[in-house]
């Protein structure tokens, strides 16, 4: 999450290219998603808020999924083999499952925080 978020600022043109045309404020959304990825990645490392961060990551992965679909439907945006574009779609679900695995109560914190 930290690396992907940082890349939004290192190479914003890449992300601007894959933004669906129906979304407004491309540059702002690229910056916002990068900032969220960095913030949520850092928050995932803080035990007291890691569960909430994991839920935030899930929400973010769902929110950016239209960009993956957009790239799949318009493969000329990012020249790559067809199978690579296709692989990105289920890979997003694997990332969601990974984040979901971090939403479970942390046994080291049981009794020290409310478990919601």
C-alpha atoms as a PDB file:
ATOM      1  CA  UNK A   1       0.000   0.000   0.000  1.00  0.00           C
ATOM      2  CA  UNK A   2       2.795   2.396   0.864  1.00  0.00           C
ATOM      3  CA  UNK A   3       4.681   1.775  -2.367  1.00  0.00           C
ATOM      4  CA  UNK A   4       1.587   1.964  -4.552  1.00  0.00           C
ATOM      5  CA  UNK A   5       0.476   5.140  -2.797  1.00  0.00           C
ATOM      6  CA  UNK A   6       3.873   6.761  -3.231  1.00  0.00           C
ATOM      7  CA  UNK A   7       3.816   5.969  -6.950  1.00  0.00           C
ATOM      8  CA  UNK A   8       0.727   8.189  -7.304  1.00  0.00           C
ATOM      9  CA  UNK A   9       3.029  11.118  -6.547  1.00  0.00           C
ATOM     10  CA  UNK A  10       6.200   9.817  -8.228  1.00  0.00           C
ATOM     11  CA  UNK A  11       4.449   8.962 -11.514  1.00  0.00           C
ATOM     12  CA  UNK A  12       0.956  10.520 -11.516  1.00  0.00           C
ATOM     13  CA  UNK A  13       0.772  10.367 -15.329  1.00  0.00           C
ATOM     14  CA  UNK A  14       0.475   6.578 -15.165  1.00  0.00           C
ATOM     15  CA  UNK A  15      -2.587   6.833 -12.924  1.00  0.00           C
ATOM     16  CA  UNK A  16      -4.070   9.714 -14.883  1.00  0.00           C
ATOM     17  CA  UNK A  17      -3.933   7.526 -17.995  1.00  0.00           C
ATOM     18  CA  UNK A  18      -6.066   4.804 -16.428  1.00  0.00           C
ATOM     19  CA  UNK A  19      -8.733   7.083 -14.980  1.00  0.00           C
ATOM     20  CA  UNK A  20     -12.161   6.410 -16.518  1.00  0.00           C
ATOM     21  CA  UNK A  21     -13.318   9.428 -18.503  1.00  0.00           C
ATOM     22  CA  UNK A  22     -16.654   9.576 -16.679  1.00  0.00           C
ATOM     23  CA  UNK A  23     -14.929  10.484 -13.400  1.00  0.00           C
ATOM     24  CA  UNK A  24     -14.283  14.166 -12.700  1.00  0.00           C
ATOM     25  CA  UNK A  25     -11.158  15.745 -11.179  1.00  0.00           C
ATOM     26  CA  UNK A  26      -8.648  13.161 -12.383  1.00  0.00           C
ATOM     27  CA  UNK A  27      -5.555  14.756 -10.869  1.00  0.00           C
ATOM     28  CA  UNK A  28      -7.271  15.314  -7.518  1.00  0.00           C
ATOM     29  CA  UNK A  29      -8.572  11.738  -7.398  1.00  0.00           C
ATOM     30  CA  UNK A  30      -5.129  10.339  -8.211  1.00  0.00           C
ATOM     31  CA  UNK A  31      -3.619  12.401  -5.378  1.00  0.00           C
ATOM     32  CA  UNK A  32      -6.426  11.480  -2.985  1.00  0.00           C
ATOM     33  CA  UNK A  33      -6.169   7.759  -3.713  1.00  0.00           C
ATOM     34  CA  UNK A  34      -2.389   7.911  -3.283  1.00  0.00           C
ATOM     35  CA  UNK A  35      -2.716   9.728   0.019  1.00  0.00           C
ATOM     36  CA  UNK A  36      -5.311   7.205   1.197  1.00  0.00           C
ATOM     37  CA  UNK A  37      -3.114   4.264   0.223  1.00  0.00           C
ATOM     38  CA  UNK A  38      -0.183   5.699   2.149  1.00  0.00           C
ATOM     39  CA  UNK A  39      -2.309   6.618   5.182  1.00  0.00           C
ATOM     40  CA  UNK A  40      -4.085   3.279   5.282  1.00  0.00           C
ATOM     41  CA  UNK A  41      -0.814   1.388   4.798  1.00  0.00           C
ATOM     42  CA  UNK A  42       0.744   3.196   7.762  1.00  0.00           C
ATOM     43  CA  UNK A  43      -2.449   2.736   9.809  1.00  0.00           C
ATOM     44  CA  UNK A  44      -2.396  -0.991   9.114  1.00  0.00           C
ATOM     45  CA  UNK A  45       0.892  -1.140  11.054  1.00  0.00           C
ATOM     46  CA  UNK A  46      -0.634   0.509  14.138  1.00  0.00           C
ATOM     47  CA  UNK A  47      -2.255  -2.299  16.115  1.00  0.00           C
ATOM     48  CA  UNK A  48      -4.965  -0.182  17.730  1.00  0.00           C
ATOM     49  CA  UNK A  49      -6.345   0.983  14.382  1.00  0.00           C
ATOM     50  CA  UNK A  50      -5.233  -1.790  12.049  1.00  0.00           C
ATOM     51  CA  UNK A  51      -8.717  -3.319  11.803  1.00  0.00           C
ATOM     52  CA  UNK A  52     -10.263  -0.010  10.786  1.00  0.00           C
ATOM     53  CA  UNK A  53      -7.413   0.535   8.325  1.00  0.00           C
ATOM     54  CA  UNK A  54      -8.091  -2.881   6.783  1.00  0.00           C
ATOM     55  CA  UNK A  55     -11.742  -1.941   6.255  1.00  0.00           C
ATOM     56  CA  UNK A  56     -10.573   1.326   4.698  1.00  0.00           C
ATOM     57  CA  UNK A  57      -8.280  -0.589   2.347  1.00  0.00           C
ATOM     58  CA  UNK A  58     -11.190  -2.804   1.313  1.00  0.00           C
ATOM     59  CA  UNK A  59     -13.304   0.273   0.572  1.00  0.00           C
ATOM     60  CA  UNK A  60     -10.471   1.856  -1.401  1.00  0.00           C
ATOM     61  CA  UNK A  61      -9.844  -1.316  -3.435  1.00  0.00           C
ATOM     62  CA  UNK A  62     -13.529  -1.439  -4.328  1.00  0.00           C
ATOM     63  CA  UNK A  63     -13.522   2.267  -5.205  1.00  0.00           C
ATOM     64  CA  UNK A  64     -10.593   1.961  -7.616  1.00  0.00           C
ATOM     65  CA  UNK A  65     -11.848  -1.235  -9.262  1.00  0.00           C
ATOM     66  CA  UNK A  66     -13.586   0.719 -12.071  1.00  0.00           C
ATOM     67  CA  UNK A  67     -10.140   1.892 -13.202  1.00  0.00           C
ATOM     68  CA  UNK A  68      -9.055  -1.751 -13.552  1.00  0.00           C
ATOM     69  CA  UNK A  69     -12.163  -2.518 -15.581  1.00  0.00           C
ATOM     70  CA  UNK A  70     -11.552   0.602 -17.686  1.00  0.00           C
ATOM     71  CA  UNK A  71      -8.004  -0.535 -18.490  1.00  0.00           C
ATOM     72  CA  UNK A  72      -9.235  -4.032 -19.342  1.00  0.00           C
ATOM     73  CA  UNK A  73     -11.850  -2.623 -21.726  1.00  0.00           C
ATOM     74  CA  UNK A  74      -9.360  -0.161 -23.245  1.00  0.00           C
ATOM     75  CA  UNK A  75      -6.151  -2.152 -23.325  1.00  0.00           C
ATOM     76  CA  UNK A  76      -4.483   0.360 -25.619  1.00  0.00           C
ATOM     77  CA  UNK A  77      -4.108   2.609 -22.549  1.00  0.00           C
ATOM     78  CA  UNK A  78      -1.448   0.311 -21.103  1.00  0.00           C
ATOM     79  CA  UNK A  79       0.083  -1.903 -23.764  1.00  0.00           C
ATOM     80  CA  UNK A  80       0.484  -5.346 -22.223  1.00  0.00           C
ATOM     81  CA  UNK A  81      -0.572  -8.892 -23.047  1.00  0.00           C
ATOM     82  CA  UNK A  82      -4.309  -9.589 -22.864  1.00  0.00           C
ATOM     83  CA  UNK A  83      -3.825 -12.153 -20.079  1.00  0.00           C
ATOM     84  CA  UNK A  84      -2.046  -9.586 -17.899  1.00  0.00           C
ATOM     85  CA  UNK A  85      -4.968  -7.179 -18.160  1.00  0.00           C
ATOM     86  CA  UNK A  86      -7.318 -10.043 -17.372  1.00  0.00           C
ATOM     87  CA  UNK A  87      -5.223 -11.138 -14.378  1.00  0.00           C
ATOM     88  CA  UNK A  88      -5.507  -7.698 -12.778  1.00  0.00           C
ATOM     89  CA  UNK A  89      -9.249  -8.137 -12.243  1.00  0.00           C
ATOM     90  CA  UNK A  90      -9.227 -11.211  -9.948  1.00  0.00           C
ATOM     91  CA  UNK A  91      -5.997  -9.980  -8.380  1.00  0.00           C
ATOM     92  CA  UNK A  92      -7.997  -7.075  -6.954  1.00  0.00           C
ATOM     93  CA  UNK A  93     -10.232  -9.587  -5.163  1.00  0.00           C
ATOM     94  CA  UNK A  94      -7.168 -11.322  -3.720  1.00  0.00           C
ATOM     95  CA  UNK A  95      -6.025  -7.958  -2.347  1.00  0.00           C
ATOM     96  CA  UNK A  96      -9.477  -7.499  -0.818  1.00  0.00           C
ATOM     97  CA  UNK A  97      -9.233 -10.948   0.796  1.00  0.00           C
ATOM     98  CA  UNK A  98      -5.796 -10.051   2.127  1.00  0.00           C
ATOM     99  CA  UNK A  99      -7.162  -6.843   3.651  1.00  0.00           C
ATOM    100  CA  UNK A 100     -10.175  -8.712   5.022  1.00  0.00           C
ATOM    101  CA  UNK A 101      -7.813 -11.101   6.826  1.00  0.00           C
ATOM    102  CA  UNK A 102      -6.624  -8.070   8.803  1.00  0.00           C
ATOM    103  CA  UNK A 103     -10.138  -7.153   9.982  1.00  0.00           C
ATOM    104  CA  UNK A 104     -10.168  -9.899  12.604  1.00  0.00           C
ATOM    105  CA  UNK A 105      -9.704  -9.016  16.266  1.00  0.00           C
ATOM    106  CA  UNK A 106      -6.051  -8.898  17.225  1.00  0.00           C
ATOM    107  CA  UNK A 107      -5.532 -11.322  20.147  1.00  0.00           C
ATOM    108  CA  UNK A 108      -2.825  -9.044  21.580  1.00  0.00           C
ATOM    109  CA  UNK A 109      -5.404  -6.293  21.997  1.00  0.00           C
ATOM    110  CA  UNK A 110      -8.382  -8.288  23.266  1.00  0.00           C
ATOM    111  CA  UNK A 111      -9.588  -6.608  26.407  1.00  0.00           C
ATOM    112  CA  UNK A 112      -7.720  -3.390  25.685  1.00  0.00           C
ATOM    113  CA  UNK A 113     -10.135  -2.012  23.089  1.00  0.00           C
ATOM    114  CA  UNK A 114     -13.737  -2.439  22.188  1.00  0.00           C
ATOM    115  CA  UNK A 115     -14.157  -5.139  19.561  1.00  0.00           C
ATOM    116  CA  UNK A 116     -16.663  -3.876  16.993  1.00  0.00           C
END
